[in-house]
């Protein structure tokens, strides 16, 4: 999301692309079945469901965006999008870890 806002704010905000729910539904069902089989606590179920399914849909959307840009010959835009998302993601994770260390002494 951050990368799309940097590359093309109008398209990111006004996007009418709705990804097909088929792969998300399949991932959700597979996750639910796995959670039932392993007898996880409610907190672990939430972590697995939200973490796995959320990252699955986010990464697939990111990948489709990059492939579409490359397919349209927008190599510079695709490269900037990938770099912005990856560098931004690593920076956000690092900042989150620093805040956690200061707050909780981890």
PDB file of N, CA and C in Angstrom:
ATOM      1  N   UNK A   1       0.835  -1.189   0.000  1.00  0.00           N
ATOM      2  CA  UNK A   1       0.000   0.000   0.000  1.00  0.00           C
ATOM      3  C   UNK A   1       0.871   1.241   0.000  1.00  0.00           C
ATOM      4  N   UNK A   2       1.879   1.267   0.875  1.00  0.00           N
ATOM      5  CA  UNK A   2       2.748   2.431   0.952  1.00  0.00           C
ATOM      6  C   UNK A   2       3.409   2.713  -0.395  1.00  0.00           C
ATOM      7  N   UNK A   3       3.923   1.664  -1.029  1.00  0.00           N
ATOM      8  CA  UNK A   3       4.570   1.836  -2.322  1.00  0.00           C
ATOM      9  C   UNK A   3       3.629   2.371  -3.372  1.00  0.00           C
ATOM     10  N   UNK A   4       2.388   1.902  -3.399  1.00  0.00           N
ATOM     11  CA  UNK A   4       1.441   2.387  -4.395  1.00  0.00           C
ATOM     12  C   UNK A   4       1.078   3.839  -4.141  1.00  0.00           C
ATOM     13  N   UNK A   5       1.070   4.255  -2.890  1.00  0.00           N
ATOM     14  CA  UNK A   5       0.799   5.660  -2.588  1.00  0.00           C
ATOM     15  C   UNK A   5       1.940   6.552  -3.060  1.00  0.00           C
ATOM     16  N   UNK A   6       3.162   6.050  -2.961  1.00  0.00           N
ATOM     17  CA  UNK A   6       4.318   6.830  -3.395  1.00  0.00           C
ATOM     18  C   UNK A   6       4.369   6.902  -4.917  1.00  0.00           C
ATOM     19  N   UNK A   7       4.133   5.777  -5.586  1.00  0.00           N
ATOM     20  CA  UNK A   7       4.255   5.702  -7.040  1.00  0.00           C
ATOM     21  C   UNK A   7       3.097   6.418  -7.739  1.00  0.00           C
ATOM     22  N   UNK A   8       1.865   6.174  -7.318  1.00  0.00           N
ATOM     23  CA  UNK A   8       0.705   6.748  -7.997  1.00  0.00           C
ATOM     24  C   UNK A   8      -0.423   6.936  -6.995  1.00  0.00           C
ATOM     25  N   UNK A   9      -0.409   8.035  -6.234  1.00  0.00           N
ATOM     26  CA  UNK A   9      -1.396   8.235  -5.180  1.00  0.00           C
ATOM     27  C   UNK A   9      -2.842   8.184  -5.662  1.00  0.00           C
ATOM     28  N   UNK A  10      -3.125   8.766  -6.819  1.00  0.00           N
ATOM     29  CA  UNK A  10      -4.500   8.782  -7.309  1.00  0.00           C
ATOM     30  C   UNK A  10      -4.996   7.375  -7.600  1.00  0.00           C
ATOM     31  N   UNK A  11      -4.156   6.562  -8.217  1.00  0.00           N
ATOM     32  CA  UNK A  11      -4.557   5.191  -8.525  1.00  0.00           C
ATOM     33  C   UNK A  11      -4.709   4.360  -7.258  1.00  0.00           C
ATOM     34  N   UNK A  12      -3.854   4.594  -6.275  1.00  0.00           N
ATOM     35  CA  UNK A  12      -3.927   3.823  -5.032  1.00  0.00           C
ATOM     36  C   UNK A  12      -5.211   4.122  -4.278  1.00  0.00           C
ATOM     37  N   UNK A  13      -5.610   5.377  -4.264  1.00  0.00           N
ATOM     38  CA  UNK A  13      -6.801   5.777  -3.520  1.00  0.00           C
ATOM     39  C   UNK A  13      -8.073   5.448  -4.286  1.00  0.00           C
ATOM     40  N   UNK A  14      -8.035   5.579  -5.608  1.00  0.00           N
ATOM     41  CA  UNK A  14      -9.239   5.394  -6.422  1.00  0.00           C
ATOM     42  C   UNK A  14      -9.277   4.048  -7.137  1.00  0.00           C
ATOM     43  N   UNK A  15      -8.501   3.094  -6.680  1.00  0.00           N
ATOM     44  CA  UNK A  15      -8.430   1.796  -7.346  1.00  0.00           C
ATOM     45  C   UNK A  15      -9.764   1.081  -7.251  1.00  0.00           C
ATOM     46  N   UNK A  16     -10.235   0.595  -8.391  1.00  0.00           N
ATOM     47  CA  UNK A  16     -11.487  -0.167  -8.395  1.00  0.00           C
ATOM     48  C   UNK A  16     -11.217  -1.638  -8.666  1.00  0.00           C
ATOM     49  N   UNK A  17      -9.959  -2.046  -8.506  1.00  0.00           N
ATOM     50  CA  UNK A  17      -9.606  -3.442  -8.713  1.00  0.00           C
ATOM     51  C   UNK A  17      -9.997  -4.240  -7.473  1.00  0.00           C
ATOM     52  N   UNK A  18     -10.811  -5.226  -7.668  1.00  0.00           N
ATOM     53  CA  UNK A  18     -11.195  -6.101  -6.568  1.00  0.00           C
ATOM     54  C   UNK A  18     -10.665  -7.486  -6.902  1.00  0.00           C
ATOM     55  N   UNK A  19      -9.690  -7.982  -6.118  1.00  0.00           N
ATOM     56  CA  UNK A  19      -9.107  -9.283  -6.443  1.00  0.00           C
ATOM     57  C   UNK A  19     -10.125 -10.403  -6.254  1.00  0.00           C
ATOM     58  N   UNK A  20     -10.052 -11.431  -7.074  1.00  0.00           N
ATOM     59  CA  UNK A  20     -10.987 -12.545  -6.921  1.00  0.00           C
ATOM     60  C   UNK A  20     -10.771 -13.242  -5.585  1.00  0.00           C
ATOM     61  N   UNK A  21     -11.843 -13.599  -4.911  1.00  0.00           N
ATOM     62  CA  UNK A  21     -11.723 -14.170  -3.563  1.00  0.00           C
ATOM     63  C   UNK A  21     -11.354 -15.639  -3.533  1.00  0.00           C
ATOM     64  N   UNK A  22     -11.250 -16.283  -4.669  1.00  0.00           N
ATOM     65  CA  UNK A  22     -11.048 -17.726  -4.702  1.00  0.00           C
ATOM     66  C   UNK A  22      -9.808 -18.169  -3.938  1.00  0.00           C
ATOM     67  N   UNK A  23      -8.664 -17.570  -4.227  1.00  0.00           N
ATOM     68  CA  UNK A  23      -7.425 -18.005  -3.572  1.00  0.00           C
ATOM     69  C   UNK A  23      -7.442 -17.647  -2.093  1.00  0.00           C
ATOM     70  N   UNK A  24      -8.024 -16.515  -1.736  1.00  0.00           N
ATOM     71  CA  UNK A  24      -8.121 -16.127  -0.329  1.00  0.00           C
ATOM     72  C   UNK A  24      -9.022 -17.082   0.434  1.00  0.00           C
ATOM     73  N   UNK A  25     -10.131 -17.454  -0.181  1.00  0.00           N
ATOM     74  CA  UNK A  25     -11.055 -18.385   0.470  1.00  0.00           C
ATOM     75  C   UNK A  25     -10.402 -19.746   0.669  1.00  0.00           C
ATOM     76  N   UNK A  26      -9.643 -20.184  -0.333  1.00  0.00           N
ATOM     77  CA  UNK A  26      -8.954 -21.477  -0.219  1.00  0.00           C
ATOM     78  C   UNK A  26      -7.908 -21.428   0.889  1.00  0.00           C
ATOM     79  N   UNK A  27      -7.171 -20.333   0.979  1.00  0.00           N
ATOM     80  CA  UNK A  27      -6.163 -20.188   2.033  1.00  0.00           C
ATOM     81  C   UNK A  27      -6.823 -20.148   3.401  1.00  0.00           C
ATOM     82  N   UNK A  28      -7.939 -19.452   3.499  1.00  0.00           N
ATOM     83  CA  UNK A  28      -8.661 -19.362   4.765  1.00  0.00           C
ATOM     84  C   UNK A  28      -9.169 -20.728   5.209  1.00  0.00           C
ATOM     85  N   UNK A  29      -9.727 -21.486   4.282  1.00  0.00           N
ATOM     86  CA  UNK A  29     -10.244 -22.821   4.595  1.00  0.00           C
ATOM     87  C   UNK A  29      -9.105 -23.752   5.015  1.00  0.00           C
ATOM     88  N   UNK A  30      -8.000 -23.708   4.295  1.00  0.00           N
ATOM     89  CA  UNK A  30      -6.850 -24.559   4.643  1.00  0.00           C
ATOM     90  C   UNK A  30      -6.305 -24.200   6.023  1.00  0.00           C
ATOM     91  N   UNK A  31      -6.248 -22.904   6.317  1.00  0.00           N
ATOM     92  CA  UNK A  31      -5.766 -22.452   7.628  1.00  0.00           C
ATOM     93  C   UNK A  31      -6.703 -22.917   8.729  1.00  0.00           C
ATOM     94  N   UNK A  32      -8.009 -22.782   8.504  1.00  0.00           N
ATOM     95  CA  UNK A  32      -9.003 -23.212   9.493  1.00  0.00           C
ATOM     96  C   UNK A  32      -8.871 -24.702   9.769  1.00  0.00           C
ATOM     97  N   UNK A  33      -8.730 -25.496   8.724  1.00  0.00           N
ATOM     98  CA  UNK A  33      -8.587 -26.943   8.907  1.00  0.00           C
ATOM     99  C   UNK A  33      -7.313 -27.289   9.676  1.00  0.00           C
ATOM    100  N   UNK A  34      -6.221 -26.619   9.373  1.00  0.00           N
ATOM    101  CA  UNK A  34      -4.953 -26.878  10.063  1.00  0.00           C
ATOM    102  C   UNK A  34      -5.052 -26.490  11.533  1.00  0.00           C
ATOM    103  N   UNK A  35      -5.709 -25.369  11.817  1.00  0.00           N
ATOM    104  CA  UNK A  35      -5.859 -24.909  13.198  1.00  0.00           C
ATOM    105  C   UNK A  35      -6.668 -25.914  14.004  1.00  0.00           C
ATOM    106  N   UNK A  36      -7.736 -26.421  13.426  1.00  0.00           N
ATOM    107  CA  UNK A  36      -8.558 -27.430  14.127  1.00  0.00           C
ATOM    108  C   UNK A  36      -7.762 -28.691  14.420  1.00  0.00           C
ATOM    109  N   UNK A  37      -6.942 -29.098  13.465  1.00  0.00           N
ATOM    110  CA  UNK A  37      -6.180 -30.333  13.608  1.00  0.00           C
ATOM    111  C   UNK A  37      -5.134 -30.248  14.717  1.00  0.00           C
ATOM    112  N   UNK A  38      -4.518 -29.092  14.909  1.00  0.00           N
ATOM    113  CA  UNK A  38      -3.427 -28.972  15.872  1.00  0.00           C
ATOM    114  C   UNK A  38      -3.868 -28.476  17.239  1.00  0.00           C
ATOM    115  N   UNK A  39      -5.140 -28.158  17.430  1.00  0.00           N
ATOM    116  CA  UNK A  39      -5.646 -27.759  18.734  1.00  0.00           C
ATOM    117  C   UNK A  39      -4.950 -26.554  19.340  1.00  0.00           C
ATOM    118  N   UNK A  40      -4.897 -25.471  18.609  1.00  0.00           N
ATOM    119  CA  UNK A  40      -4.225 -24.259  19.085  1.00  0.00           C
ATOM    120  C   UNK A  40      -5.099 -23.468  20.044  1.00  0.00           C
ATOM    121  N   UNK A  41      -4.462 -22.626  20.838  1.00  0.00           N
ATOM    122  CA  UNK A  41      -5.195 -21.725  21.730  1.00  0.00           C
ATOM    123  C   UNK A  41      -5.878 -20.657  20.894  1.00  0.00           C
ATOM    124  N   UNK A  42      -6.886 -19.957  21.460  1.00  0.00           N
ATOM    125  CA  UNK A  42      -7.549 -18.892  20.703  1.00  0.00           C
ATOM    126  C   UNK A  42      -6.572 -17.826  20.186  1.00  0.00           C
ATOM    127  N   UNK A  43      -5.588 -17.477  20.998  1.00  0.00           N
ATOM    128  CA  UNK A  43      -4.608 -16.469  20.570  1.00  0.00           C
ATOM    129  C   UNK A  43      -3.766 -16.976  19.397  1.00  0.00           C
ATOM    130  N   UNK A  44      -3.356 -18.239  19.452  1.00  0.00           N
ATOM    131  CA  UNK A  44      -2.582 -18.827  18.357  1.00  0.00           C
ATOM    132  C   UNK A  44      -3.428 -18.923  17.087  1.00  0.00           C
ATOM    133  N   UNK A  45      -4.707 -19.246  17.244  1.00  0.00           N
ATOM    134  CA  UNK A  45      -5.610 -19.308  16.087  1.00  0.00           C
ATOM    135  C   UNK A  45      -5.703 -17.946  15.412  1.00  0.00           C
ATOM    136  N   UNK A  46      -5.830 -16.908  16.213  1.00  0.00           N
ATOM    137  CA  UNK A  46      -5.915 -15.556  15.669  1.00  0.00           C
ATOM    138  C   UNK A  46      -4.631 -15.197  14.930  1.00  0.00           C
ATOM    139  N   UNK A  47      -3.489 -15.522  15.545  1.00  0.00           N
ATOM    140  CA  UNK A  47      -2.203 -15.211  14.925  1.00  0.00           C
ATOM    141  C   UNK A  47      -2.051 -15.935  13.587  1.00  0.00           C
ATOM    142  N   UNK A  48      -2.378 -17.206  13.558  1.00  0.00           N
ATOM    143  CA  UNK A  48      -2.239 -17.986  12.331  1.00  0.00           C
ATOM    144  C   UNK A  48      -3.216 -17.495  11.266  1.00  0.00           C
ATOM    145  N   UNK A  49      -4.463 -17.292  11.646  1.00  0.00           N
ATOM    146  CA  UNK A  49      -5.482 -16.874  10.679  1.00  0.00           C
ATOM    147  C   UNK A  49      -5.217 -15.503  10.111  1.00  0.00           C
ATOM    148  N   UNK A  50      -5.023 -14.527  10.968  1.00  0.00           N
ATOM    149  CA  UNK A  50      -4.795 -13.161  10.506  1.00  0.00           C
ATOM    150  C   UNK A  50      -3.423 -13.036   9.861  1.00  0.00           C
ATOM    151  N   UNK A  51      -2.410 -13.610  10.487  1.00  0.00           N
ATOM    152  CA  UNK A  51      -1.053 -13.500   9.959  1.00  0.00           C
ATOM    153  C   UNK A  51      -0.891 -14.168   8.613  1.00  0.00           C
ATOM    154  N   UNK A  52      -1.302 -15.415   8.507  1.00  0.00           N
ATOM    155  CA  UNK A  52      -1.120 -16.138   7.248  1.00  0.00           C
ATOM    156  C   UNK A  52      -2.017 -15.605   6.155  1.00  0.00           C
ATOM    157  N   UNK A  53      -3.305 -15.518   6.433  1.00  0.00           N
ATOM    158  CA  UNK A  53      -4.244 -15.087   5.389  1.00  0.00           C
ATOM    159  C   UNK A  53      -4.010 -13.627   5.008  1.00  0.00           C
ATOM    160  N   UNK A  54      -3.680 -12.795   5.973  1.00  0.00           N
ATOM    161  CA  UNK A  54      -3.413 -11.394   5.673  1.00  0.00           C
ATOM    162  C   UNK A  54      -2.187 -11.224   4.801  1.00  0.00           C
ATOM    163  N   UNK A  55      -1.123 -11.940   5.134  1.00  0.00           N
ATOM    164  CA  UNK A  55       0.093 -11.817   4.324  1.00  0.00           C
ATOM    165  C   UNK A  55      -0.105 -12.449   2.955  1.00  0.00           C
ATOM    166  N   UNK A  56      -0.873 -13.500   2.881  1.00  0.00           N
ATOM    167  CA  UNK A  56      -1.132 -14.163   1.599  1.00  0.00           C
ATOM    168  C   UNK A  56      -1.819 -13.207   0.630  1.00  0.00           C
ATOM    169  N   UNK A  57      -2.876 -12.552   1.067  1.00  0.00           N
ATOM    170  CA  UNK A  57      -3.610 -11.657   0.172  1.00  0.00           C
ATOM    171  C   UNK A  57      -2.806 -10.401  -0.141  1.00  0.00           C
ATOM    172  N   UNK A  58      -2.072  -9.884   0.830  1.00  0.00           N
ATOM    173  CA  UNK A  58      -1.265  -8.686   0.594  1.00  0.00           C
ATOM    174  C   UNK A  58      -0.159  -8.974  -0.412  1.00  0.00           C
ATOM    175  N   UNK A  59       0.550 -10.073  -0.241  1.00  0.00           N
ATOM    176  CA  UNK A  59       1.642 -10.385  -1.163  1.00  0.00           C
ATOM    177  C   UNK A  59       1.125 -10.691  -2.556  1.00  0.00           C
ATOM    178  N   UNK A  60      -0.004 -11.389  -2.668  1.00  0.00           N
ATOM    179  CA  UNK A  60      -0.512 -11.705  -4.006  1.00  0.00           C
ATOM    180  C   UNK A  60      -0.952 -10.439  -4.726  1.00  0.00           C
ATOM    181  N   UNK A  61      -1.537  -9.489  -4.013  1.00  0.00           N
ATOM    182  CA  UNK A  61      -1.922  -8.220  -4.631  1.00  0.00           C
ATOM    183  C   UNK A  61      -0.689  -7.456  -5.078  1.00  0.00           C
ATOM    184  N   UNK A  62       0.312  -7.407  -4.234  1.00  0.00           N
ATOM    185  CA  UNK A  62       1.585  -6.752  -4.567  1.00  0.00           C
ATOM    186  C   UNK A  62       2.192  -7.384  -5.819  1.00  0.00           C
ATOM    187  N   UNK A  63       2.205  -8.708  -5.877  1.00  0.00           N
ATOM    188  CA  UNK A  63       2.783  -9.418  -7.010  1.00  0.00           C
ATOM    189  C   UNK A  63       2.032  -9.130  -8.304  1.00  0.00           C
ATOM    190  N   UNK A  64       0.709  -9.134  -8.239  1.00  0.00           N
ATOM    191  CA  UNK A  64      -0.101  -8.841  -9.429  1.00  0.00           C
ATOM    192  C   UNK A  64       0.175  -7.423  -9.913  1.00  0.00           C
ATOM    193  N   UNK A  65       0.269  -6.473  -8.990  1.00  0.00           N
ATOM    194  CA  UNK A  65       0.580  -5.094  -9.375  1.00  0.00           C
ATOM    195  C   UNK A  65       1.917  -5.005 -10.111  1.00  0.00           C
ATOM    196  N   UNK A  66       2.937  -5.673  -9.569  1.00  0.00           N
ATOM    197  CA  UNK A  66       4.265  -5.642 -10.189  1.00  0.00           C
ATOM    198  C   UNK A  66       4.229  -6.299 -11.569  1.00  0.00           C
ATOM    199  N   UNK A  67       3.595  -7.446 -11.669  1.00  0.00           N
ATOM    200  CA  UNK A  67       3.514  -8.147 -12.959  1.00  0.00           C
ATOM    201  C   UNK A  67       2.766  -7.290 -13.986  1.00  0.00           C
ATOM    202  N   UNK A  68       1.690  -6.627 -13.570  1.00  0.00           N
ATOM    203  CA  UNK A  68       0.955  -5.753 -14.492  1.00  0.00           C
ATOM    204  C   UNK A  68       1.818  -4.594 -14.973  1.00  0.00           C
ATOM    205  N   UNK A  69       2.589  -3.991 -14.075  1.00  0.00           N
ATOM    206  CA  UNK A  69       3.482  -2.896 -14.470  1.00  0.00           C
ATOM    207  C   UNK A  69       4.528  -3.376 -15.463  1.00  0.00           C
ATOM    208  N   UNK A  70       5.122  -4.528 -15.193  1.00  0.00           N
ATOM    209  CA  UNK A  70       6.131  -5.085 -16.098  1.00  0.00           C
ATOM    210  C   UNK A  70       5.488  -5.413 -17.445  1.00  0.00           C
ATOM    211  N   UNK A  71       4.275  -5.980 -17.417  1.00  0.00           N
ATOM    212  CA  UNK A  71       3.575  -6.309 -18.647  1.00  0.00           C
ATOM    213  C   UNK A  71       3.261  -5.091 -19.503  1.00  0.00           C
ATOM    214  N   UNK A  72       3.090  -3.947 -18.873  1.00  0.00           N
ATOM    215  CA  UNK A  72       2.819  -2.700 -19.601  1.00  0.00           C
ATOM    216  C   UNK A  72       4.111  -1.982 -19.994  1.00  0.00           C
ATOM    217  N   UNK A  73       5.244  -2.596 -19.680  1.00  0.00           N
ATOM    218  CA  UNK A  73       6.531  -1.999 -20.018  1.00  0.00           C
ATOM    219  C   UNK A  73       6.959  -0.889 -19.065  1.00  0.00           C
ATOM    220  N   UNK A  74       6.347  -0.829 -17.903  1.00  0.00           N
ATOM    221  CA  UNK A  74       6.661   0.209 -16.921  1.00  0.00           C
ATOM    222  C   UNK A  74       7.719  -0.317 -15.946  1.00  0.00           C
ATOM    223  N   UNK A  75       8.881  -0.602 -16.491  1.00  0.00           N
ATOM    224  CA  UNK A  75       9.938  -1.229 -15.694  1.00  0.00           C
ATOM    225  C   UNK A  75      10.424  -0.335 -14.560  1.00  0.00           C
ATOM    226  N   UNK A  76      10.615   0.948 -14.828  1.00  0.00           N
ATOM    227  CA  UNK A  76      11.066   1.869 -13.787  1.00  0.00           C
ATOM    228  C   UNK A  76      10.046   1.983 -12.659  1.00  0.00           C
ATOM    229  N   UNK A  77       8.781   2.076 -13.030  1.00  0.00           N
ATOM    230  CA  UNK A  77       7.710   2.173 -12.040  1.00  0.00           C
ATOM    231  C   UNK A  77       7.639   0.888 -11.203  1.00  0.00           C
ATOM    232  N   UNK A  78       7.764  -0.268 -11.867  1.00  0.00           N
ATOM    233  CA  UNK A  78       7.740  -1.550 -11.155  1.00  0.00           C
ATOM    234  C   UNK A  78       8.920  -1.665 -10.192  1.00  0.00           C
ATOM    235  N   UNK A  79      10.096  -1.269 -10.643  1.00  0.00           N
ATOM    236  CA  UNK A  79      11.293  -1.340  -9.791  1.00  0.00           C
ATOM    237  C   UNK A  79      11.150  -0.402  -8.588  1.00  0.00           C
ATOM    238  N   UNK A  80      10.651   0.808  -8.833  1.00  0.00           N
ATOM    239  CA  UNK A  80      10.463   1.758  -7.731  1.00  0.00           C
ATOM    240  C   UNK A  80       9.433   1.236  -6.737  1.00  0.00           C
ATOM    241  N   UNK A  81       8.383   0.609  -7.236  1.00  0.00           N
ATOM    242  CA  UNK A  81       7.332   0.041  -6.385  1.00  0.00           C
ATOM    243  C   UNK A  81       7.895  -1.074  -5.501  1.00  0.00           C
ATOM    244  N   UNK A  82       8.672  -1.974  -6.113  1.00  0.00           N
ATOM    245  CA  UNK A  82       9.283  -3.077  -5.358  1.00  0.00           C
ATOM    246  C   UNK A  82      10.253  -2.538  -4.308  1.00  0.00           C
ATOM    247  N   UNK A  83      11.107  -1.614  -4.707  1.00  0.00           N
ATOM    248  CA  UNK A  83      12.097  -1.056  -3.771  1.00  0.00           C
ATOM    249  C   UNK A  83      11.421  -0.301  -2.625  1.00  0.00           C
ATOM    250  N   UNK A  84      10.415   0.516  -2.952  1.00  0.00           N
ATOM    251  CA  UNK A  84       9.725   1.286  -1.923  1.00  0.00           C
ATOM    252  C   UNK A  84       9.054   0.371  -0.907  1.00  0.00           C
ATOM    253  N   UNK A  85       8.368  -0.672  -1.399  1.00  0.00           N
ATOM    254  CA  UNK A  85       7.696  -1.598  -0.490  1.00  0.00           C
ATOM    255  C   UNK A  85       8.685  -2.390   0.355  1.00  0.00           C
ATOM    256  N   UNK A  86       9.740  -2.883  -0.263  1.00  0.00           N
ATOM    257  CA  UNK A  86      10.696  -3.705   0.484  1.00  0.00           C
ATOM    258  C   UNK A  86      11.502  -2.888   1.482  1.00  0.00           C
ATOM    259  N   UNK A  87      12.033  -1.763   1.050  1.00  0.00           N
ATOM    260  CA  UNK A  87      12.814  -0.925   1.965  1.00  0.00           C
ATOM    261  C   UNK A  87      11.901  -0.375   3.068  1.00  0.00           C
ATOM    262  N   UNK A  88      10.703   0.067   2.680  1.00  0.00           N
ATOM    263  CA  UNK A  88       9.751   0.573   3.673  1.00  0.00           C
ATOM    264  C   UNK A  88       9.340  -0.489   4.680  1.00  0.00           C
ATOM    265  N   UNK A  89       9.137  -1.713   4.199  1.00  0.00           N
ATOM    266  CA  UNK A  89       8.760  -2.810   5.092  1.00  0.00           C
ATOM    267  C   UNK A  89       9.855  -3.166   6.090  1.00  0.00           C
ATOM    268  N   UNK A  90      11.083  -3.231   5.604  1.00  0.00           N
ATOM    269  CA  UNK A  90      12.215  -3.535   6.492  1.00  0.00           C
ATOM    270  C   UNK A  90      12.418  -2.396   7.494  1.00  0.00           C
ATOM    271  N   UNK A  91      12.296  -1.160   7.024  1.00  0.00           N
ATOM    272  CA  UNK A  91      12.447  -0.007   7.931  1.00  0.00           C
ATOM    273  C   UNK A  91      11.350  -0.004   9.000  1.00  0.00           C
ATOM    274  N   UNK A  92      10.127  -0.300   8.608  1.00  0.00           N
ATOM    275  CA  UNK A  92       9.028  -0.344   9.581  1.00  0.00           C
ATOM    276  C   UNK A  92       9.242  -1.456  10.603  1.00  0.00           C
ATOM    277  N   UNK A  93       9.721  -2.614  10.147  1.00  0.00           N
ATOM    278  CA  UNK A  93       9.996  -3.715  11.074  1.00  0.00           C
ATOM    279  C   UNK A  93      11.108  -3.339  12.052  1.00  0.00           C
ATOM    280  N   UNK A  94      12.155  -2.699  11.551  1.00  0.00           N
ATOM    281  CA  UNK A  94      13.261  -2.283  12.416  1.00  0.00           C
ATOM    282  C   UNK A  94      12.788  -1.268  13.447  1.00  0.00           C
ATOM    283  N   UNK A  95      11.980  -0.311  13.010  1.00  0.00           N
ATOM    284  CA  UNK A  95      11.466   0.687  13.961  1.00  0.00           C
ATOM    285  C   UNK A  95      10.563   0.034  15.004  1.00  0.00           C
ATOM    286  N   UNK A  96       9.741  -0.912  14.570  1.00  0.00           N
ATOM    287  CA  UNK A  96       8.880  -1.624  15.513  1.00  0.00           C
ATOM    288  C   UNK A  96       9.678  -2.392  16.548  1.00  0.00           C
ATOM    289  N   UNK A  97      10.750  -3.003  16.117  1.00  0.00           N
ATOM    290  CA  UNK A  97      11.607  -3.746  17.052  1.00  0.00           C
ATOM    291  C   UNK A  97      12.295  -2.805  18.038  1.00  0.00           C
ATOM    292  N   UNK A  98      12.736  -1.635  17.565  1.00  0.00           N
ATOM    293  CA  UNK A  98      13.373  -0.662  18.464  1.00  0.00           C
ATOM    294  C   UNK A  98      12.371  -0.155  19.498  1.00  0.00           C
ATOM    295  N   UNK A  99      11.168   0.135  19.083  1.00  0.00           N
ATOM    296  CA  UNK A  99      10.139   0.598  20.015  1.00  0.00           C
ATOM    297  C   UNK A  99       9.828  -0.487  21.042  1.00  0.00           C
ATOM    298  N   UNK A 100       9.696  -1.747  20.599  1.00  0.00           N
ATOM    299  CA  UNK A 100       9.415  -2.850  21.509  1.00  0.00           C
ATOM    300  C   UNK A 100      10.537  -3.014  22.536  1.00  0.00           C
ATOM    301  N   UNK A 101      11.783  -2.886  22.089  1.00  0.00           N
ATOM    302  CA  UNK A 101      12.918  -3.011  23.018  1.00  0.00           C
ATOM    303  C   UNK A 101      12.878  -1.917  24.078  1.00  0.00           C
ATOM    304  N   UNK A 102      12.578  -0.685  23.651  1.00  0.00           N
ATOM    305  CA  UNK A 102      12.527   0.409  24.616  1.00  0.00           C
ATOM    306  C   UNK A 102      11.360   0.283  25.580  1.00  0.00           C
ATOM    307  N   UNK A 103      10.213  -0.130  25.067  1.00  0.00           N
ATOM    308  CA  UNK A 103       9.027  -0.244  25.918  1.00  0.00           C
ATOM    309  C   UNK A 103       9.061  -1.438  26.841  1.00  0.00           C
ATOM    310  N   UNK A 104       9.547  -2.569  26.312  1.00  0.00           N
ATOM    311  CA  UNK A 104       9.453  -3.820  27.060  1.00  0.00           C
ATOM    312  C   UNK A 104      10.797  -4.391  27.472  1.00  0.00           C
ATOM    313  N   UNK A 105      11.895  -3.742  27.092  1.00  0.00           N
ATOM    314  CA  UNK A 105      13.219  -4.195  27.472  1.00  0.00           C
ATOM    315  C   UNK A 105      13.598  -5.530  26.877  1.00  0.00           C
ATOM    316  N   UNK A 106      13.086  -5.851  25.713  1.00  0.00           N
ATOM    317  CA  UNK A 106      13.371  -7.146  25.067  1.00  0.00           C
ATOM    318  C   UNK A 106      14.718  -7.133  24.416  1.00  0.00           C
TER     319      UNK A 106
END
